[in-house]
Amino acid sequence: MTDDLTPPIEQSDFDEFNLNEAPKWPKVVGIISIIWALVGLTCGGLGMASSFLFAPMMESQLDGAPLPPTMVLTPADYALGAFGLILAAALVVGGIMLIMRKKGARALHLIYGLGAIPSLIVSTIINFGKQEAAQQWAKDYPDNPMAQQMAGGGDAGQTIGMIIAVVITMFFMLYPLFCIIWFGLIKNKHEQMTGGVEEVF
């Protein structure tokens, strides 16, 4: 027997529960962004710190000669390091915002991608210049033990070093390129980040 006091159940009563499932990719990409930024900070920090840590240790091998150019930080190095720190911070914040599916996440990832690629290219060019200057340094101080070690590799060693530098640069360009393509061409609308779900917990 049906209770006349029980109101009929309408389909509209369930509409508020018929929410689309939020896409999973923002959390995955957001976590990768945070990890990638921390790896970049670690590698960049170690590179900068090595000049301060190892330069005093090499003085005993220099016999009064100046440090080779590869171990000397220039204003350009400091500028690139500061810029890299800003980009890494933007990527960390962007990754956190992406996990939370906030609108600013896309812009921060694009800023990172568009800034990281030219920064990597400039850094590689500067390092190539330092490698050439180091070879000249070895010729200017041929009796120096360190110069003799550097000259021992010859042109083949210099070529291998350049190839390794290019490979490393290309590797670190992968994620910036991904950010530009993914957020600029593929997932370029906020609805693609949320799946139409207004609040995601």
N, C-alpha and C. Protein backbone atom coordinates (compact mmCIF):
# COMPACT_ATOMS: atom_id res chain seq x y z
N MET A 1 0.84 -1.19 0.00
CA MET A 1 0.00 0.00 0.00
C MET A 1 0.88 1.24 0.00
N THR A 2 0.57 2.19 -0.88
CA THR A 2 1.39 3.38 -1.02
C THR A 2 0.94 4.45 -0.06
N ASP A 3 1.90 5.02 0.63
CA ASP A 3 1.61 6.11 1.56
C ASP A 3 1.34 7.37 0.76
N ASP A 4 0.12 7.90 0.85
CA ASP A 4 -0.24 9.11 0.10
C ASP A 4 0.52 10.32 0.55
N LEU A 5 1.13 10.25 1.77
CA LEU A 5 1.87 11.40 2.28
C LEU A 5 3.28 11.47 1.71
N THR A 6 3.74 10.39 1.07
CA THR A 6 5.09 10.37 0.51
C THR A 6 5.08 11.04 -0.85
N PRO A 7 5.83 12.14 -1.01
CA PRO A 7 5.82 12.84 -2.30
C PRO A 7 6.49 11.98 -3.38
N PRO A 8 6.02 12.10 -4.59
CA PRO A 8 6.64 11.32 -5.68
C PRO A 8 8.07 11.76 -5.93
N ILE A 9 8.90 10.81 -6.28
CA ILE A 9 10.31 11.09 -6.54
C ILE A 9 10.47 11.52 -7.98
N GLU A 10 10.99 12.69 -8.18
CA GLU A 10 11.22 13.23 -9.52
C GLU A 10 12.68 13.03 -9.91
N GLN A 11 12.92 12.89 -11.23
CA GLN A 11 14.29 12.75 -11.73
C GLN A 11 15.12 13.96 -11.38
N SER A 12 14.48 15.13 -11.32
CA SER A 12 15.21 16.37 -11.03
C SER A 12 15.80 16.36 -9.62
N ASP A 13 15.21 15.51 -8.74
CA ASP A 13 15.74 15.44 -7.38
C ASP A 13 17.16 14.87 -7.37
N PHE A 14 17.53 14.14 -8.43
CA PHE A 14 18.86 13.53 -8.48
C PHE A 14 19.83 14.33 -9.35
N ASP A 15 19.35 15.42 -9.95
CA ASP A 15 20.19 16.17 -10.87
C ASP A 15 21.45 16.69 -10.21
N GLU A 16 21.32 17.10 -8.92
CA GLU A 16 22.49 17.66 -8.25
C GLU A 16 23.58 16.63 -8.02
N PHE A 17 23.22 15.35 -8.14
CA PHE A 17 24.21 14.30 -7.94
C PHE A 17 24.78 13.79 -9.27
N ASN A 18 24.20 14.25 -10.38
CA ASN A 18 24.66 13.80 -11.69
C ASN A 18 25.80 14.67 -12.19
N LEU A 19 26.85 14.71 -11.43
CA LEU A 19 28.00 15.53 -11.79
C LEU A 19 28.95 14.75 -12.68
N ASN A 20 29.59 15.46 -13.62
CA ASN A 20 30.61 14.83 -14.43
C ASN A 20 31.83 14.50 -13.57
N GLU A 21 32.51 13.45 -13.94
CA GLU A 21 33.73 13.10 -13.22
C GLU A 21 34.86 14.01 -13.65
N ALA A 22 35.55 14.58 -12.68
CA ALA A 22 36.67 15.48 -12.99
C ALA A 22 37.80 14.70 -13.64
N PRO A 23 38.46 15.26 -14.65
CA PRO A 23 39.59 14.56 -15.30
C PRO A 23 40.75 14.37 -14.35
N LYS A 24 41.48 13.31 -14.58
CA LYS A 24 42.60 12.95 -13.68
C LYS A 24 43.90 13.66 -14.08
N TRP A 25 44.02 14.10 -15.33
CA TRP A 25 45.31 14.59 -15.80
C TRP A 25 45.83 15.81 -15.04
N PRO A 26 44.98 16.75 -14.55
CA PRO A 26 45.56 17.90 -13.84
C PRO A 26 46.39 17.51 -12.63
N LYS A 27 45.95 16.50 -11.87
CA LYS A 27 46.73 16.07 -10.71
C LYS A 27 48.05 15.44 -11.14
N VAL A 28 47.99 14.61 -12.19
CA VAL A 28 49.21 13.94 -12.66
C VAL A 28 50.22 14.97 -13.18
N VAL A 29 49.76 15.86 -14.04
CA VAL A 29 50.66 16.87 -14.61
C VAL A 29 51.14 17.84 -13.53
N GLY A 30 50.26 18.17 -12.60
CA GLY A 30 50.65 19.07 -11.51
C GLY A 30 51.76 18.50 -10.66
N ILE A 31 51.67 17.22 -10.34
CA ILE A 31 52.71 16.56 -9.54
C ILE A 31 54.02 16.51 -10.32
N ILE A 32 53.93 16.19 -11.63
CA ILE A 32 55.13 16.16 -12.47
C ILE A 32 55.78 17.54 -12.51
N SER A 33 54.97 18.60 -12.60
CA SER A 33 55.50 19.96 -12.65
C SER A 33 56.28 20.29 -11.39
N ILE A 34 55.74 19.92 -10.25
CA ILE A 34 56.41 20.20 -8.98
C ILE A 34 57.74 19.44 -8.90
N ILE A 35 57.71 18.16 -9.28
CA ILE A 35 58.93 17.36 -9.24
C ILE A 35 59.96 17.90 -10.23
N TRP A 36 59.52 18.24 -11.44
CA TRP A 36 60.43 18.76 -12.47
C TRP A 36 61.09 20.06 -12.00
N ALA A 37 60.30 20.93 -11.37
CA ALA A 37 60.85 22.20 -10.88
C ALA A 37 61.89 21.95 -9.79
N LEU A 38 61.62 21.01 -8.89
CA LEU A 38 62.56 20.71 -7.82
C LEU A 38 63.85 20.09 -8.37
N VAL A 39 63.72 19.24 -9.39
CA VAL A 39 64.91 18.66 -10.02
C VAL A 39 65.74 19.75 -10.69
N GLY A 40 65.06 20.68 -11.39
CA GLY A 40 65.76 21.78 -12.03
C GLY A 40 66.47 22.67 -11.02
N LEU A 41 65.81 22.93 -9.90
CA LEU A 41 66.43 23.75 -8.85
C LEU A 41 67.65 23.04 -8.28
N THR A 42 67.54 21.74 -8.07
CA THR A 42 68.65 20.98 -7.52
C THR A 42 69.86 20.98 -8.46
N CYS A 43 69.59 20.70 -9.76
CA CYS A 43 70.70 20.66 -10.74
C CYS A 43 71.33 22.04 -10.90
N GLY A 44 70.48 23.07 -11.00
CA GLY A 44 71.00 24.42 -11.14
C GLY A 44 71.77 24.87 -9.91
N GLY A 45 71.24 24.53 -8.74
CA GLY A 45 71.92 24.90 -7.50
C GLY A 45 73.26 24.21 -7.35
N LEU A 46 73.31 22.93 -7.72
CA LEU A 46 74.58 22.21 -7.63
C LEU A 46 75.60 22.77 -8.62
N GLY A 47 75.12 23.15 -9.80
CA GLY A 47 76.02 23.72 -10.78
C GLY A 47 76.63 25.03 -10.31
N MET A 48 75.79 25.87 -9.69
CA MET A 48 76.30 27.14 -9.17
C MET A 48 77.22 26.91 -7.98
N ALA A 49 76.83 25.98 -7.12
CA ALA A 49 77.62 25.73 -5.90
C ALA A 49 78.96 25.11 -6.21
N SER A 50 79.04 24.34 -7.29
CA SER A 50 80.29 23.65 -7.60
C SER A 50 81.43 24.64 -7.85
N SER A 51 81.10 25.79 -8.44
CA SER A 51 82.15 26.78 -8.69
C SER A 51 82.72 27.32 -7.39
N PHE A 52 81.87 27.45 -6.36
CA PHE A 52 82.34 27.95 -5.07
C PHE A 52 83.07 26.85 -4.29
N LEU A 53 82.61 25.61 -4.44
CA LEU A 53 83.17 24.53 -3.63
C LEU A 53 84.48 23.99 -4.20
N PHE A 54 84.52 23.84 -5.53
CA PHE A 54 85.67 23.17 -6.13
C PHE A 54 86.79 24.14 -6.52
N ALA A 55 86.45 25.41 -6.74
CA ALA A 55 87.49 26.37 -7.13
C ALA A 55 88.63 26.44 -6.11
N PRO A 56 88.35 26.57 -4.80
CA PRO A 56 89.46 26.60 -3.84
C PRO A 56 90.27 25.31 -3.84
N MET A 57 89.58 24.16 -4.11
CA MET A 57 90.29 22.88 -4.10
C MET A 57 91.24 22.76 -5.29
N MET A 58 90.96 23.48 -6.37
CA MET A 58 91.78 23.39 -7.57
C MET A 58 92.99 24.33 -7.55
N GLU A 59 93.03 25.21 -6.58
CA GLU A 59 94.11 26.20 -6.54
C GLU A 59 95.48 25.54 -6.44
N SER A 60 95.54 24.41 -5.77
CA SER A 60 96.83 23.73 -5.60
C SER A 60 97.35 23.19 -6.94
N GLN A 61 96.45 22.97 -7.91
CA GLN A 61 96.87 22.45 -9.20
C GLN A 61 97.12 23.55 -10.23
N LEU A 62 96.81 24.78 -9.86
CA LEU A 62 96.90 25.86 -10.84
C LEU A 62 98.30 26.46 -10.93
N ASP A 63 99.09 26.32 -9.88
CA ASP A 63 100.46 26.87 -9.87
C ASP A 63 100.46 28.36 -10.20
N GLY A 64 99.52 29.07 -9.61
CA GLY A 64 99.48 30.52 -9.82
C GLY A 64 98.69 30.97 -11.03
N ALA A 65 98.27 30.05 -11.87
CA ALA A 65 97.47 30.43 -13.04
C ALA A 65 96.04 30.74 -12.61
N PRO A 66 95.33 31.56 -13.38
CA PRO A 66 93.93 31.86 -13.04
C PRO A 66 93.05 30.64 -13.26
N LEU A 67 91.88 30.67 -12.67
CA LEU A 67 90.93 29.57 -12.86
C LEU A 67 90.53 29.46 -14.33
N PRO A 68 90.32 28.25 -14.81
CA PRO A 68 89.83 28.11 -16.18
C PRO A 68 88.43 28.71 -16.30
N PRO A 69 88.07 29.21 -17.49
CA PRO A 69 86.77 29.88 -17.66
C PRO A 69 85.56 29.04 -17.27
N THR A 70 85.68 27.73 -17.38
CA THR A 70 84.54 26.87 -17.05
C THR A 70 84.23 26.88 -15.55
N MET A 71 85.17 27.36 -14.74
CA MET A 71 84.96 27.39 -13.29
C MET A 71 84.73 28.78 -12.75
N VAL A 72 84.53 29.73 -13.64
CA VAL A 72 84.31 31.12 -13.24
C VAL A 72 82.87 31.52 -13.56
N LEU A 73 82.14 31.99 -12.56
CA LEU A 73 80.77 32.45 -12.77
C LEU A 73 80.79 33.89 -13.25
N THR A 74 80.05 34.15 -14.31
CA THR A 74 79.96 35.49 -14.89
C THR A 74 78.63 36.13 -14.51
N PRO A 75 78.47 37.43 -14.74
CA PRO A 75 77.15 38.07 -14.50
C PRO A 75 76.03 37.37 -15.26
N ALA A 76 76.34 36.89 -16.46
CA ALA A 76 75.32 36.16 -17.23
C ALA A 76 74.89 34.89 -16.51
N ASP A 77 75.84 34.22 -15.87
CA ASP A 77 75.52 33.01 -15.11
C ASP A 77 74.59 33.33 -13.95
N TYR A 78 74.89 34.41 -13.24
CA TYR A 78 74.04 34.80 -12.11
C TYR A 78 72.65 35.20 -12.60
N ALA A 79 72.59 35.91 -13.73
CA ALA A 79 71.30 36.34 -14.27
C ALA A 79 70.47 35.13 -14.69
N LEU A 80 71.09 34.17 -15.36
CA LEU A 80 70.38 32.96 -15.76
C LEU A 80 69.94 32.15 -14.55
N GLY A 81 70.80 32.11 -13.52
CA GLY A 81 70.43 31.40 -12.30
C GLY A 81 69.23 32.02 -11.62
N ALA A 82 69.20 33.36 -11.55
CA ALA A 82 68.06 34.05 -10.94
C ALA A 82 66.80 33.84 -11.76
N PHE A 83 66.94 33.91 -13.08
CA PHE A 83 65.79 33.69 -13.96
C PHE A 83 65.27 32.27 -13.83
N GLY A 84 66.19 31.32 -13.74
CA GLY A 84 65.80 29.93 -13.55
C GLY A 84 65.06 29.72 -12.24
N LEU A 85 65.49 30.44 -11.20
CA LEU A 85 64.82 30.34 -9.90
C LEU A 85 63.38 30.85 -10.00
N ILE A 86 63.20 31.94 -10.73
CA ILE A 86 61.85 32.50 -10.92
C ILE A 86 60.97 31.52 -11.70
N LEU A 87 61.54 30.94 -12.76
CA LEU A 87 60.77 29.98 -13.56
C LEU A 87 60.40 28.75 -12.74
N ALA A 88 61.34 28.27 -11.93
CA ALA A 88 61.06 27.10 -11.10
C ALA A 88 59.96 27.40 -10.09
N ALA A 89 60.01 28.60 -9.50
CA ALA A 89 58.96 28.99 -8.55
C ALA A 89 57.61 29.06 -9.24
N ALA A 90 57.60 29.61 -10.48
CA ALA A 90 56.35 29.69 -11.24
C ALA A 90 55.80 28.30 -11.53
N LEU A 91 56.70 27.36 -11.83
CA LEU A 91 56.26 26.00 -12.14
C LEU A 91 55.73 25.29 -10.89
N VAL A 92 56.36 25.51 -9.75
CA VAL A 92 55.88 24.91 -8.51
C VAL A 92 54.48 25.45 -8.18
N VAL A 93 54.33 26.76 -8.23
CA VAL A 93 53.01 27.36 -7.96
C VAL A 93 51.99 26.89 -8.98
N GLY A 94 52.42 26.85 -10.26
CA GLY A 94 51.53 26.38 -11.30
C GLY A 94 51.11 24.94 -11.09
N GLY A 95 52.05 24.10 -10.64
CA GLY A 95 51.73 22.71 -10.36
C GLY A 95 50.72 22.56 -9.24
N ILE A 96 50.89 23.35 -8.18
CA ILE A 96 49.95 23.31 -7.05
C ILE A 96 48.57 23.79 -7.50
N MET A 97 48.55 24.88 -8.27
CA MET A 97 47.28 25.41 -8.77
C MET A 97 46.61 24.43 -9.74
N LEU A 98 47.41 23.69 -10.50
CA LEU A 98 46.84 22.71 -11.42
C LEU A 98 46.19 21.57 -10.67
N ILE A 99 46.84 21.12 -9.60
CA ILE A 99 46.24 20.07 -8.77
C ILE A 99 44.90 20.54 -8.21
N MET A 100 44.82 21.83 -7.88
CA MET A 100 43.58 22.41 -7.36
C MET A 100 42.64 22.86 -8.48
N ARG A 101 43.09 22.72 -9.74
CA ARG A 101 42.31 23.07 -10.93
C ARG A 101 41.91 24.55 -10.94
N LYS A 102 42.88 25.40 -10.65
CA LYS A 102 42.67 26.84 -10.68
C LYS A 102 43.03 27.39 -12.06
N LYS A 103 42.37 28.47 -12.45
CA LYS A 103 42.54 29.02 -13.79
C LYS A 103 43.97 29.49 -14.07
N GLY A 104 44.65 30.03 -13.07
CA GLY A 104 45.99 30.56 -13.29
C GLY A 104 47.03 29.51 -13.59
N ALA A 105 46.71 28.23 -13.39
CA ALA A 105 47.69 27.16 -13.60
C ALA A 105 48.16 27.12 -15.05
N ARG A 106 47.23 27.27 -15.97
CA ARG A 106 47.59 27.22 -17.40
C ARG A 106 48.55 28.34 -17.76
N ALA A 107 48.27 29.55 -17.31
CA ALA A 107 49.13 30.69 -17.63
C ALA A 107 50.53 30.51 -17.07
N LEU A 108 50.64 30.00 -15.85
CA LEU A 108 51.96 29.81 -15.24
C LEU A 108 52.77 28.74 -15.98
N HIS A 109 52.11 27.70 -16.44
CA HIS A 109 52.82 26.67 -17.21
C HIS A 109 53.29 27.21 -18.55
N LEU A 110 52.48 28.06 -19.17
CA LEU A 110 52.90 28.66 -20.44
C LEU A 110 54.06 29.63 -20.22
N ILE A 111 54.01 30.40 -19.14
CA ILE A 111 55.11 31.31 -18.82
C ILE A 111 56.39 30.51 -18.61
N TYR A 112 56.28 29.41 -17.88
CA TYR A 112 57.46 28.57 -17.66
C TYR A 112 58.01 28.04 -18.98
N GLY A 113 57.14 27.48 -19.81
CA GLY A 113 57.59 26.90 -21.07
C GLY A 113 58.23 27.92 -21.99
N LEU A 114 57.58 29.08 -22.12
CA LEU A 114 58.09 30.12 -23.02
C LEU A 114 59.37 30.77 -22.48
N GLY A 115 59.57 30.72 -21.17
CA GLY A 115 60.78 31.29 -20.59
C GLY A 115 61.93 30.31 -20.51
N ALA A 116 61.61 29.03 -20.29
CA ALA A 116 62.66 28.02 -20.07
C ALA A 116 63.42 27.71 -21.36
N ILE A 117 62.74 27.66 -22.48
CA ILE A 117 63.40 27.27 -23.73
C ILE A 117 64.48 28.27 -24.14
N PRO A 118 64.17 29.57 -24.25
CA PRO A 118 65.27 30.51 -24.60
C PRO A 118 66.35 30.56 -23.54
N SER A 119 65.98 30.38 -22.27
CA SER A 119 66.99 30.37 -21.21
C SER A 119 67.96 29.21 -21.38
N LEU A 120 67.43 28.04 -21.74
CA LEU A 120 68.29 26.88 -21.96
C LEU A 120 69.20 27.09 -23.17
N ILE A 121 68.67 27.70 -24.21
CA ILE A 121 69.48 27.95 -25.41
C ILE A 121 70.62 28.91 -25.09
N VAL A 122 70.29 30.00 -24.39
CA VAL A 122 71.32 30.98 -24.04
C VAL A 122 72.37 30.34 -23.13
N SER A 123 71.93 29.54 -22.18
CA SER A 123 72.86 28.87 -21.27
C SER A 123 73.81 27.94 -22.03
N THR A 124 73.27 27.22 -23.01
CA THR A 124 74.10 26.31 -23.80
C THR A 124 75.13 27.08 -24.62
N ILE A 125 74.71 28.18 -25.21
CA ILE A 125 75.63 29.01 -26.00
C ILE A 125 76.75 29.54 -25.11
N ILE A 126 76.40 29.99 -23.91
CA ILE A 126 77.41 30.50 -22.98
C ILE A 126 78.39 29.39 -22.59
N ASN A 127 77.86 28.20 -22.35
CA ASN A 127 78.74 27.08 -21.98
C ASN A 127 79.66 26.68 -23.12
N PHE A 128 79.16 26.74 -24.36
CA PHE A 128 80.03 26.47 -25.50
C PHE A 128 81.17 27.49 -25.57
N GLY A 129 80.83 28.76 -25.31
CA GLY A 129 81.86 29.79 -25.30
C GLY A 129 82.89 29.56 -24.22
N LYS A 130 82.42 29.07 -23.07
CA LYS A 130 83.36 28.79 -21.98
C LYS A 130 84.27 27.61 -22.33
N GLN A 131 83.70 26.62 -23.02
CA GLN A 131 84.51 25.47 -23.42
C GLN A 131 85.63 25.90 -24.37
N GLU A 132 85.29 26.77 -25.32
CA GLU A 132 86.32 27.26 -26.25
C GLU A 132 87.36 28.10 -25.52
N ALA A 133 86.89 28.93 -24.57
CA ALA A 133 87.83 29.74 -23.80
C ALA A 133 88.72 28.87 -22.93
N ALA A 134 88.16 27.75 -22.44
CA ALA A 134 88.97 26.84 -21.62
C ALA A 134 90.07 26.18 -22.45
N GLN A 135 89.74 25.87 -23.71
CA GLN A 135 90.77 25.30 -24.59
C GLN A 135 91.90 26.31 -24.84
N GLN A 136 91.53 27.57 -25.00
CA GLN A 136 92.54 28.61 -25.18
C GLN A 136 93.34 28.78 -23.90
N TRP A 137 92.66 28.69 -22.76
CA TRP A 137 93.34 28.78 -21.46
C TRP A 137 94.39 27.67 -21.34
N ALA A 138 94.04 26.46 -21.79
CA ALA A 138 94.98 25.35 -21.72
C ALA A 138 96.20 25.60 -22.60
N LYS A 139 95.99 26.28 -23.73
CA LYS A 139 97.12 26.61 -24.61
C LYS A 139 97.98 27.71 -24.01
N ASP A 140 97.35 28.64 -23.28
CA ASP A 140 98.10 29.75 -22.68
C ASP A 140 98.93 29.29 -21.49
N TYR A 141 98.52 28.21 -20.84
CA TYR A 141 99.25 27.70 -19.66
C TYR A 141 99.57 26.21 -19.88
N PRO A 142 100.39 25.92 -20.86
CA PRO A 142 100.65 24.51 -21.22
C PRO A 142 101.36 23.71 -20.13
N ASP A 143 102.08 24.38 -19.24
CA ASP A 143 102.81 23.66 -18.19
C ASP A 143 101.93 23.38 -16.97
N ASN A 144 100.74 23.93 -16.98
CA ASN A 144 99.85 23.74 -15.84
C ASN A 144 99.30 22.31 -15.85
N PRO A 145 99.34 21.60 -14.70
CA PRO A 145 98.83 20.22 -14.67
C PRO A 145 97.38 20.11 -15.11
N MET A 146 96.54 21.07 -14.72
CA MET A 146 95.14 21.03 -15.12
C MET A 146 95.00 21.25 -16.62
N ALA A 147 95.81 22.15 -17.16
CA ALA A 147 95.77 22.40 -18.60
C ALA A 147 96.20 21.16 -19.37
N GLN A 148 97.16 20.45 -18.84
CA GLN A 148 97.61 19.22 -19.50
C GLN A 148 96.51 18.16 -19.49
N GLN A 149 95.76 18.11 -18.40
CA GLN A 149 94.64 17.16 -18.35
C GLN A 149 93.57 17.53 -19.37
N MET A 150 93.30 18.84 -19.48
CA MET A 150 92.29 19.30 -20.43
C MET A 150 92.75 19.04 -21.86
N ALA A 151 94.02 19.25 -22.12
CA ALA A 151 94.54 19.06 -23.48
C ALA A 151 94.63 17.59 -23.85
N GLY A 152 94.65 16.73 -22.82
CA GLY A 152 94.78 15.30 -23.08
C GLY A 152 93.64 14.74 -23.91
N GLY A 153 92.44 15.33 -23.74
CA GLY A 153 91.30 14.83 -24.51
C GLY A 153 91.32 15.24 -25.95
N GLY A 154 92.03 16.33 -26.25
CA GLY A 154 92.12 16.78 -27.63
C GLY A 154 90.79 17.26 -28.17
N ASP A 155 90.74 17.35 -29.50
CA ASP A 155 89.51 17.80 -30.16
C ASP A 155 88.37 16.83 -29.95
N ALA A 156 88.69 15.53 -29.88
CA ALA A 156 87.65 14.52 -29.67
C ALA A 156 86.94 14.72 -28.34
N GLY A 157 87.74 15.02 -27.30
CA GLY A 157 87.14 15.26 -25.99
C GLY A 157 86.24 16.48 -26.00
N GLN A 158 86.66 17.53 -26.70
CA GLN A 158 85.85 18.74 -26.78
C GLN A 158 84.55 18.46 -27.53
N THR A 159 84.63 17.69 -28.60
CA THR A 159 83.43 17.35 -29.37
C THR A 159 82.46 16.53 -28.54
N ILE A 160 82.99 15.56 -27.81
CA ILE A 160 82.13 14.73 -26.94
C ILE A 160 81.46 15.60 -25.89
N GLY A 161 82.22 16.53 -25.33
CA GLY A 161 81.65 17.43 -24.33
C GLY A 161 80.52 18.26 -24.89
N MET A 162 80.66 18.74 -26.12
CA MET A 162 79.61 19.53 -26.75
C MET A 162 78.37 18.68 -27.03
N ILE A 163 78.60 17.44 -27.47
CA ILE A 163 77.48 16.54 -27.74
C ILE A 163 76.70 16.27 -26.46
N ILE A 164 77.43 16.04 -25.37
CA ILE A 164 76.78 15.79 -24.09
C ILE A 164 75.97 17.02 -23.66
N ALA A 165 76.53 18.21 -23.87
CA ALA A 165 75.82 19.44 -23.51
C ALA A 165 74.54 19.60 -24.31
N VAL A 166 74.60 19.27 -25.60
CA VAL A 166 73.40 19.37 -26.45
C VAL A 166 72.34 18.37 -26.00
N VAL A 167 72.75 17.14 -25.69
CA VAL A 167 71.81 16.11 -25.24
C VAL A 167 71.13 16.53 -23.94
N ILE A 168 71.91 17.07 -23.00
CA ILE A 168 71.35 17.52 -21.73
C ILE A 168 70.36 18.66 -21.96
N THR A 169 70.71 19.60 -22.84
CA THR A 169 69.82 20.71 -23.14
C THR A 169 68.52 20.22 -23.75
N MET A 170 68.60 19.29 -24.69
CA MET A 170 67.40 18.75 -25.32
C MET A 170 66.52 18.03 -24.31
N PHE A 171 67.15 17.32 -23.37
CA PHE A 171 66.37 16.64 -22.33
C PHE A 171 65.59 17.65 -21.48
N PHE A 172 66.27 18.72 -21.06
CA PHE A 172 65.59 19.70 -20.21
C PHE A 172 64.61 20.57 -20.99
N MET A 173 64.61 20.46 -22.32
CA MET A 173 63.62 21.17 -23.12
C MET A 173 62.32 20.39 -23.27
N LEU A 174 62.34 19.11 -22.93
CA LEU A 174 61.18 18.27 -23.15
C LEU A 174 59.95 18.78 -22.41
N TYR A 175 60.10 19.07 -21.12
CA TYR A 175 58.92 19.47 -20.35
C TYR A 175 58.45 20.88 -20.72
N PRO A 176 59.35 21.85 -20.92
CA PRO A 176 58.86 23.15 -21.40
C PRO A 176 58.08 23.04 -22.72
N LEU A 177 58.57 22.22 -23.64
CA LEU A 177 57.85 22.01 -24.91
C LEU A 177 56.50 21.37 -24.66
N PHE A 178 56.46 20.41 -23.75
CA PHE A 178 55.20 19.78 -23.40
C PHE A 178 54.21 20.81 -22.85
N CYS A 179 54.69 21.68 -21.97
CA CYS A 179 53.81 22.70 -21.37
C CYS A 179 53.23 23.62 -22.45
N ILE A 180 54.07 24.03 -23.40
CA ILE A 180 53.60 24.92 -24.47
C ILE A 180 52.55 24.23 -25.33
N ILE A 181 52.81 22.98 -25.72
CA ILE A 181 51.88 22.27 -26.59
C ILE A 181 50.61 21.89 -25.83
N TRP A 182 50.77 21.36 -24.63
CA TRP A 182 49.63 20.85 -23.86
C TRP A 182 48.68 21.98 -23.45
N PHE A 183 49.26 23.04 -22.87
CA PHE A 183 48.41 24.12 -22.36
C PHE A 183 48.10 25.18 -23.41
N GLY A 184 48.91 25.24 -24.47
CA GLY A 184 48.66 26.23 -25.50
C GLY A 184 47.77 25.74 -26.63
N LEU A 185 47.85 24.42 -26.93
CA LEU A 185 47.13 23.91 -28.09
C LEU A 185 46.08 22.84 -27.74
N ILE A 186 46.35 22.03 -26.73
CA ILE A 186 45.47 20.89 -26.45
C ILE A 186 44.47 21.19 -25.33
N LYS A 187 44.97 21.49 -24.16
CA LYS A 187 44.09 21.78 -23.02
C LYS A 187 44.13 23.29 -22.73
N ASN A 188 43.54 24.04 -23.66
CA ASN A 188 43.63 25.50 -23.55
C ASN A 188 42.35 26.15 -23.03
N LYS A 189 41.44 25.34 -22.46
CA LYS A 189 40.22 25.88 -21.86
C LYS A 189 40.10 25.37 -20.43
N HIS A 190 39.57 26.20 -19.57
CA HIS A 190 39.46 25.82 -18.16
C HIS A 190 38.53 24.63 -17.97
N GLU A 191 37.50 24.50 -18.82
CA GLU A 191 36.56 23.39 -18.70
C GLU A 191 37.25 22.05 -18.92
N GLN A 192 38.32 22.04 -19.72
CA GLN A 192 39.06 20.80 -19.94
C GLN A 192 39.85 20.39 -18.71
N MET A 193 40.05 21.33 -17.82
CA MET A 193 40.77 21.06 -16.57
C MET A 193 39.82 20.54 -15.50
N THR A 194 38.59 21.02 -15.50
CA THR A 194 37.64 20.66 -14.45
C THR A 194 36.64 19.60 -14.88
N GLY A 195 36.43 19.43 -16.18
CA GLY A 195 35.42 18.49 -16.65
C GLY A 195 34.02 18.97 -16.37
N GLY A 196 33.86 20.26 -16.12
CA GLY A 196 32.55 20.80 -15.82
C GLY A 196 32.17 20.74 -14.35
N VAL A 197 33.06 20.18 -13.53
CA VAL A 197 32.79 20.10 -12.09
C VAL A 197 33.22 21.40 -11.46
N GLU A 198 32.32 22.06 -10.80
CA GLU A 198 32.62 23.38 -10.23
C GLU A 198 33.55 23.30 -9.04
N GLU A 199 33.31 22.34 -8.15
CA GLU A 199 34.12 22.19 -6.95
C GLU A 199 34.74 20.81 -6.96
N VAL A 200 36.03 20.73 -6.92
CA VAL A 200 36.72 19.44 -6.90
C VAL A 200 37.50 19.32 -5.60
N PHE A 201 37.28 18.28 -4.88
CA PHE A 201 37.93 18.11 -3.57
C PHE A 201 39.05 17.10 -3.68
